[in-house]
PDB file of N, CA and C in Angstrom:
ATOM      1  N   MET A   1     149.098  70.722 116.461  1.00  0.00           N
ATOM      2  CA  MET A   1     148.357  70.787 115.006  1.00  0.00           C
ATOM      3  C   MET A   1     148.869  72.085 113.935  1.00  0.00           C
ATOM      4  N   PRO A   2     149.167  71.543 113.051  1.00  0.00           N
ATOM      5  CA  PRO A   2     149.655  72.978 111.988  1.00  0.00           C
ATOM      6  C   PRO A   2     148.563  73.742 111.898  1.00  0.00           C
ATOM      7  N   VAL A   3     149.164  75.163 111.660  1.00  0.00           N
ATOM      8  CA  VAL A   3     148.136  76.078 111.405  1.00  0.00           C
ATOM      9  C   VAL A   3     147.183  75.812 110.266  1.00  0.00           C
ATOM     10  N   VAL A   4     147.741  75.341 109.055  1.00  0.00           N
ATOM     11  CA  VAL A   4     146.898  75.062 107.919  1.00  0.00           C
ATOM     12  C   VAL A   4     145.606  74.194 108.319  1.00  0.00           C
ATOM     13  N   ILE A   5     145.983  73.171 108.743  1.00  0.00           N
ATOM     14  CA  ILE A   5     144.952  72.075 109.157  1.00  0.00           C
ATOM     15  C   ILE A   5     144.027  72.667 110.228  1.00  0.00           C
ATOM     16  N   GLU A   6     144.446  73.464 111.223  1.00  0.00           N
ATOM     17  CA  GLU A   6     143.520  73.999 112.024  1.00  0.00           C
ATOM     18  C   GLU A   6     142.677  74.938 111.381  1.00  0.00           C
ATOM     19  N   ALA A   7     142.975  75.945 110.395  1.00  0.00           N
ATOM     20  CA  ALA A   7     142.337  76.519 109.572  1.00  0.00           C
ATOM     21  C   ALA A   7     141.293  76.000 108.853  1.00  0.00           C
ATOM     22  N   ILE A   8     141.544  74.914 108.314  1.00  0.00           N
ATOM     23  CA  ILE A   8     140.833  74.058 107.514  1.00  0.00           C
ATOM     24  C   ILE A   8     139.623  73.492 108.526  1.00  0.00           C
ATOM     25  N   VAL A   9     140.091  73.027 109.558  1.00  0.00           N
ATOM     26  CA  VAL A   9     138.976  72.454 110.405  1.00  0.00           C
ATOM     27  C   VAL A   9     137.945  73.602 110.860  1.00  0.00           C
ATOM     28  N   VAL A  10     138.464  74.746 111.372  1.00  0.00           N
ATOM     29  CA  VAL A  10     137.729  75.711 112.045  1.00  0.00           C
ATOM     30  C   VAL A  10     136.993  76.182 110.810  1.00  0.00           C
ATOM     31  N   SER A  11     137.052  76.372 109.528  1.00  0.00           N
ATOM     32  CA  SER A  11     136.397  76.590 108.352  1.00  0.00           C
ATOM     33  C   SER A  11     135.304  75.690 108.121  1.00  0.00           C
ATOM     34  N   ALA A  12     135.549  74.479 108.351  1.00  0.00           N
ATOM     35  CA  ALA A  12     134.541  73.324 107.995  1.00  0.00           C
ATOM     36  C   ALA A  12     133.498  73.565 108.983  1.00  0.00           C
ATOM     37  N   VAL A  13     134.032  73.681 110.435  1.00  0.00           N
ATOM     38  CA  VAL A  13     132.955  73.630 111.566  1.00  0.00           C
ATOM     39  C   VAL A  13     132.008  74.951 111.310  1.00  0.00           C
ATOM     40  N   MET A  14     132.665  76.035 111.150  1.00  0.00           N
ATOM     41  CA  MET A  14     131.799  77.142 110.602  1.00  0.00           C
ATOM     42  C   MET A  14     130.714  77.041 109.628  1.00  0.00           C
ATOM     43  N   MET A  15     131.142  76.210 108.626  1.00  0.00           N
ATOM     44  CA  MET A  15     130.283  76.200 107.499  1.00  0.00           C
ATOM     45  C   MET A  15     129.220  75.075 108.036  1.00  0.00           C
ATOM     46  N   LEU A  16     129.484  74.143 108.762  1.00  0.00           N
ATOM     47  CA  LEU A  16     128.551  73.037 109.304  1.00  0.00           C
ATOM     48  C   LEU A  16     127.651  73.791 110.007  1.00  0.00           C
ATOM     49  N   ILE A  17     128.172  74.940 110.901  1.00  0.00           N
ATOM     50  CA  ILE A  17     127.217  75.361 112.154  1.00  0.00           C
ATOM     51  C   ILE A  17     126.441  76.234 111.055  1.00  0.00           C
ATOM     52  N   PHE A  18     126.878  76.943 110.195  1.00  0.00           N
ATOM     53  CA  PHE A  18     125.751  77.961 109.289  1.00  0.00           C
ATOM     54  C   PHE A  18     124.909  76.882 108.474  1.00  0.00           C
ATOM     55  N   SER A  19     125.247  75.898 108.118  1.00  0.00           N
ATOM     56  CA  SER A  19     124.241  74.839 107.287  1.00  0.00           C
ATOM     57  C   SER A  19     123.118  74.464 108.188  1.00  0.00           C
ATOM     58  N   VAL A  20     123.608  73.862 109.447  1.00  0.00           N
ATOM     59  CA  VAL A  20     122.628  73.450 110.438  1.00  0.00           C
ATOM     60  C   VAL A  20     121.579  74.837 110.733  1.00  0.00           C
ATOM     61  N   GLY A  21     122.098  75.855 111.014  1.00  0.00           N
ATOM     62  CA  GLY A  21     121.223  77.195 111.438  1.00  0.00           C
ATOM     63  C   GLY A  21     120.575  77.345 110.113  1.00  0.00           C
ATOM     64  N   PHE A  22     120.850  77.584 108.972  1.00  0.00           N
ATOM     65  CA  PHE A  22     119.856  77.701 107.753  1.00  0.00           C
ATOM     66  C   PHE A  22     118.868  76.658 107.762  1.00  0.00           C
ATOM     67  N   PHE A  23     119.405  75.342 107.947  1.00  0.00           N
ATOM     68  CA  PHE A  23     118.302  74.065 107.688  1.00  0.00           C
ATOM     69  C   PHE A  23     117.447  74.273 108.986  1.00  0.00           C
ATOM     70  N   LEU A  24     117.702  74.716 110.089  1.00  0.00           N
ATOM     71  CA  LEU A  24     116.584  75.091 111.255  1.00  0.00           C
ATOM     72  C   LEU A  24     115.692  76.102 110.794  1.00  0.00           C
ATOM     73  N   VAL A  25     116.192  77.076 110.213  1.00  0.00           N
ATOM     74  CA  VAL A  25     115.295  78.161 109.865  1.00  0.00           C
ATOM     75  C   VAL A  25     114.327  77.814 108.653  1.00  0.00           C
ATOM     76  N   TYR A  26     115.141  76.926 107.791  1.00  0.00           N
ATOM     77  CA  TYR A  26     113.872  76.363 106.847  1.00  0.00           C
ATOM     78  C   TYR A  26     112.841  75.519 107.357  1.00  0.00           C
ATOM     79  N   LEU A  27     113.446  74.787 108.328  1.00  0.00           N
ATOM     80  CA  LEU A  27     112.151  73.801 108.907  1.00  0.00           C
ATOM     81  C   LEU A  27     111.287  74.757 109.856  1.00  0.00           C
ATOM     82  N   LEU A  28     111.434  75.621 110.398  1.00  0.00           N
ATOM     83  CA  LEU A  28     110.941  76.630 110.781  1.00  0.00           C
ATOM     84  C   LEU A  28     109.919  77.310 109.987  1.00  0.00           C
ATOM     85  N   ALA A  29     110.179  77.596 108.799  1.00  0.00           N
ATOM     86  CA  ALA A  29     109.558  78.251 107.793  1.00  0.00           C
ATOM     87  C   ALA A  29     108.342  77.361 107.337  1.00  0.00           C
ATOM     88  N   ILE A  30     108.744  76.029 107.326  1.00  0.00           N
ATOM     89  CA  ILE A  30     107.770  75.005 106.804  1.00  0.00           C
ATOM     90  C   ILE A  30     106.793  74.640 107.996  1.00  0.00           C
ATOM     91  N   ALA A  31     107.125  74.761 109.111  1.00  0.00           N
ATOM     92  CA  ALA A  31     106.268  74.483 110.088  1.00  0.00           C
ATOM     93  C   ALA A  31     105.346  75.636 110.533  1.00  0.00           C
ATOM     94  N   MET A  32     105.701  76.948 110.244  1.00  0.00           N
ATOM     95  CA  MET A  32     104.822  78.199 110.063  1.00  0.00           C
ATOM     96  C   MET A  32     104.078  78.456 109.113  1.00  0.00           C
ATOM     97  N   PHE A  33     104.354  77.608 108.084  1.00  0.00           N
ATOM     98  CA  PHE A  33     103.450  77.865 106.788  1.00  0.00           C
ATOM     99  C   PHE A  33     101.819  77.914 106.869  1.00  0.00           C
ATOM    100  N   PRO A  34     101.404  76.845 107.467  1.00  0.00           N
ATOM    101  CA  PRO A  34      99.943  76.882 107.839  1.00  0.00           C
ATOM    102  C   PRO A  34      99.336  78.089 108.632  1.00  0.00           C
ATOM    103  N   VAL A  35     100.153  78.469 109.444  1.00  0.00           N
ATOM    104  CA  VAL A  35      99.771  79.610 110.409  1.00  0.00           C
ATOM    105  C   VAL A  35      99.521  80.634 109.478  1.00  0.00           C
ATOM    106  N   GLU A  36     100.736  80.927 108.770  1.00  0.00           N
ATOM    107  CA  GLU A  36     100.828  82.217 107.828  1.00  0.00           C
ATOM    108  C   GLU A  36      99.628  82.272 106.680  1.00  0.00           C
ATOM    109  N   LYS A  37      99.520  80.943 106.128  1.00  0.00           N
ATOM    110  CA  LYS A  37      98.435  80.984 105.245  1.00  0.00           C
ATOM    111  C   LYS A  37      97.172  81.217 105.784  1.00  0.00           C
ATOM    112  N   GLY A  38      96.919  80.736 107.004  1.00  0.00           N
ATOM    113  CA  GLY A  38      95.469  81.174 107.671  1.00  0.00           C
ATOM    114  C   GLY A  38      95.393  82.736 107.973  1.00  0.00           C
ATOM    115  N   LEU A  39      96.423  83.203 108.441  1.00  0.00           N
ATOM    116  CA  LEU A  39      96.240  84.707 108.811  1.00  0.00           C
ATOM    117  C   LEU A  39      96.193  85.482 107.587  1.00  0.00           C
ATOM    118  N   SER A  40      96.862  85.040 106.400  1.00  0.00           N
ATOM    119  CA  SER A  40      96.814  85.812 105.059  1.00  0.00           C
ATOM    120  C   SER A  40      95.328  85.679 104.674  1.00  0.00           C
ATOM    121  N   LYS A  41      94.555  84.371 104.816  1.00  0.00           N
ATOM    122  CA  LYS A  41      93.230  84.413 104.354  1.00  0.00           C
ATOM    123  C   LYS A  41      92.367  85.298 105.161  1.00  0.00           C
ATOM    124  N   ILE A  42      92.661  85.235 106.502  1.00  0.00           N
ATOM    125  CA  ILE A  42      91.716  86.159 107.350  1.00  0.00           C
ATOM    126  C   ILE A  42      91.997  87.538 106.945  1.00  0.00           C
ATOM    127  N   ILE A  43      93.131  88.119 106.703  1.00  0.00           N
ATOM    128  CA  ILE A  43      93.396  89.592 106.442  1.00  0.00           C
ATOM    129  C   ILE A  43      92.798  89.773 105.015  1.00  0.00           C
ATOM    130  N   TRP A  44      92.866  88.916 104.100  1.00  0.00           N
ATOM    131  CA  TRP A  44      92.222  89.151 102.577  1.00  0.00           C
ATOM    132  C   TRP A  44      90.769  89.242 102.627  1.00  0.00           C
ATOM    133  N   GLU A  45      90.340  88.416 103.535  1.00  0.00           N
ATOM    134  CA  GLU A  45      88.690  88.368 103.610  1.00  0.00           C
ATOM    135  C   GLU A  45      88.362  89.773 104.422  1.00  0.00           C
ATOM    136  N   SER A  46      88.950  90.059 105.328  1.00  0.00           N
ATOM    137  CA  SER A  46      88.640  91.393 105.876  1.00  0.00           C
ATOM    138  C   SER A  46      88.593  92.604 105.031  1.00  0.00           C
ATOM    139  N   ALA A  47      89.732  92.524 104.294  1.00  0.00           N
ATOM    140  CA  ALA A  47      90.037  93.721 103.515  1.00  0.00           C
ATOM    141  C   ALA A  47      88.956  93.619 102.359  1.00  0.00           C
ATOM    142  N   ALA A  48      88.681  92.527 101.879  1.00  0.00           N
ATOM    143  CA  ALA A  48      87.570  92.416 100.773  1.00  0.00           C
ATOM    144  C   ALA A  48      86.186  92.845 101.279  1.00  0.00           C
ATOM    145  N   GLN A  49      85.844  92.725 102.482  1.00  0.00           N
ATOM    146  CA  GLN A  49      84.461  93.361 102.983  1.00  0.00           C
ATOM    147  C   GLN A  49      84.744  94.835 103.185  1.00  0.00           C
ATOM    148  N   LYS A  50      85.554  95.354 103.163  1.00  0.00           N
ATOM    149  CA  LYS A  50      85.858  96.951 103.133  1.00  0.00           C
ATOM    150  C   LYS A  50      85.572  97.477 102.138  1.00  0.00           C
ATOM    151  N   GLN A  51      86.046  96.806 100.920  1.00  0.00           N
ATOM    152  CA  GLN A  51      86.210  97.536  99.745  1.00  0.00           C
ATOM    153  C   GLN A  51      84.727  97.321  99.016  1.00  0.00           C
ATOM    154  N   PRO A  52      84.397  98.322  98.032  1.00  0.00           N
ATOM    155  CA  PRO A  52      83.248  98.092  97.344  1.00  0.00           C
ATOM    156  C   PRO A  52      83.613  96.814  96.268  1.00  0.00           C
ATOM    157  N   LYS A  53      82.449  96.222  95.824  1.00  0.00           N
ATOM    158  CA  LYS A  53      82.714  95.170  95.003  1.00  0.00           C
ATOM    159  C   LYS A  53      83.036  95.578  93.535  1.00  0.00           C
ATOM    160  N   THR A  54      82.498  96.750  92.921  1.00  0.00           N
ATOM    161  CA  THR A  54      82.739  97.113  91.811  1.00  0.00           C
ATOM    162  C   THR A  54      83.520  98.453  91.910  1.00  0.00           C
ATOM    163  N   LEU A  55      84.511  98.693  91.126  1.00  0.00           N
ATOM    164  CA  LEU A  55      85.443  99.914  91.300  1.00  0.00           C
ATOM    165  C   LEU A  55      84.574 100.842  90.145  1.00  0.00           C
ATOM    166  N   PRO A  56      84.360 101.983  90.125  1.00  0.00           N
ATOM    167  CA  PRO A  56      84.111 102.842  89.238  1.00  0.00           C
ATOM    168  C   PRO A  56      85.010 102.959  88.017  1.00  0.00           C
ATOM    169  N   THR A  57      84.404 102.881  86.875  1.00  0.00           N
ATOM    170  CA  THR A  57      85.222 103.116  85.874  1.00  0.00           C
ATOM    171  C   THR A  57      85.846 104.535  85.411  1.00  0.00           C
ATOM    172  N   PRO A  58      86.891 104.734  85.137  1.00  0.00           N
ATOM    173  CA  PRO A  58      87.194 106.051  84.848  1.00  0.00           C
ATOM    174  C   PRO A  58      86.702 106.699  83.477  1.00  0.00           C
ATOM    175  N   ARG A  59      86.414 107.753  83.277  1.00  0.00           N
ATOM    176  CA  ARG A  59      85.947 108.317  82.311  1.00  0.00           C
ATOM    177  C   ARG A  59      87.165 108.365  81.139  1.00  0.00           C
ATOM    178  N   LYS A  60      86.740 107.941  79.816  1.00  0.00           N
ATOM    179  CA  LYS A  60      87.600 107.986  79.007  1.00  0.00           C
ATOM    180  C   LYS A  60      87.793 109.269  77.970  1.00  0.00           C
ATOM    181  N   GLY A  61      88.855 110.059  77.980  1.00  0.00           N
ATOM    182  CA  GLY A  61      88.858 111.180  77.324  1.00  0.00           C
ATOM    183  C   GLY A  61      89.655 110.799  75.873  1.00  0.00           C
ATOM    184  N   THR A  62      89.473 111.923  75.034  1.00  0.00           N
ATOM    185  CA  THR A  62      90.332 111.760  73.726  1.00  0.00           C
ATOM    186  C   THR A  62      91.455 112.681  73.828  1.00  0.00           C
ATOM    187  N   PHE A  63      92.263 112.449  72.864  1.00  0.00           N
ATOM    188  CA  PHE A  63      93.413 113.020  72.691  1.00  0.00           C
ATOM    189  C   PHE A  63      93.070 114.817  72.556  1.00  0.00           C
ATOM    190  N   GLN A  64      92.266 115.051  72.019  1.00  0.00           N
ATOM    191  CA  GLN A  64      91.636 116.710  71.912  1.00  0.00           C
ATOM    192  C   GLN A  64      91.324 117.060  73.233  1.00  0.00           C
ATOM    193  N   ASP A  65      90.575 116.299  74.009  1.00  0.00           N
ATOM    194  CA  ASP A  65      90.635 116.872  75.503  1.00  0.00           C
ATOM    195  C   ASP A  65      91.652 116.848  76.077  1.00  0.00           C
ATOM    196  N   PHE A  66      92.499 116.334  75.991  1.00  0.00           N
ATOM    197  CA  PHE A  66      93.908 116.270  76.857  1.00  0.00           C
ATOM    198  C   PHE A  66      94.752 117.491  76.378  1.00  0.00           C
ATOM    199  N   SER A  67      94.701 117.688  75.004  1.00  0.00           N
ATOM    200  CA  SER A  67      95.129 118.874  74.511  1.00  0.00           C
ATOM    201  C   SER A  67      94.659 120.362  74.925  1.00  0.00           C
ATOM    202  N   ARG A  68      93.351 120.235  75.152  1.00  0.00           N
ATOM    203  CA  ARG A  68      92.577 121.408  75.417  1.00  0.00           C
ATOM    204  C   ARG A  68      92.961 121.650  76.916  1.00  0.00           C
ATOM    205  N   LYS A  69      93.263 120.754  77.823  1.00  0.00           N
ATOM    206  CA  LYS A  69      93.588 120.922  79.251  1.00  0.00           C
ATOM    207  C   LYS A  69      95.059 121.384  79.180  1.00  0.00           C
ATOM    208  N   HIS A  70      95.761 120.828  78.474  1.00  0.00           N
ATOM    209  CA  HIS A  70      97.214 121.172  78.907  1.00  0.00           C
ATOM    210  C   HIS A  70      97.710 122.078  77.608  1.00  0.00           C
TER     211      HIS A  70
END
């Protein structure tokens, strides 16, 4: 087999293997999506319980107050 044809065949096989691997990772991501969504919901709900519902509003100062401080 000539070297040029062998290089083309090897390159094509390598691209095919990469494509199949990428496709398998894509299928794994699709299969794991419901699990990730459920875990994300659990984490957000637990974080929401720890934080207060309303955040205190910061005191608004004027430009003159800023000028006096600095």
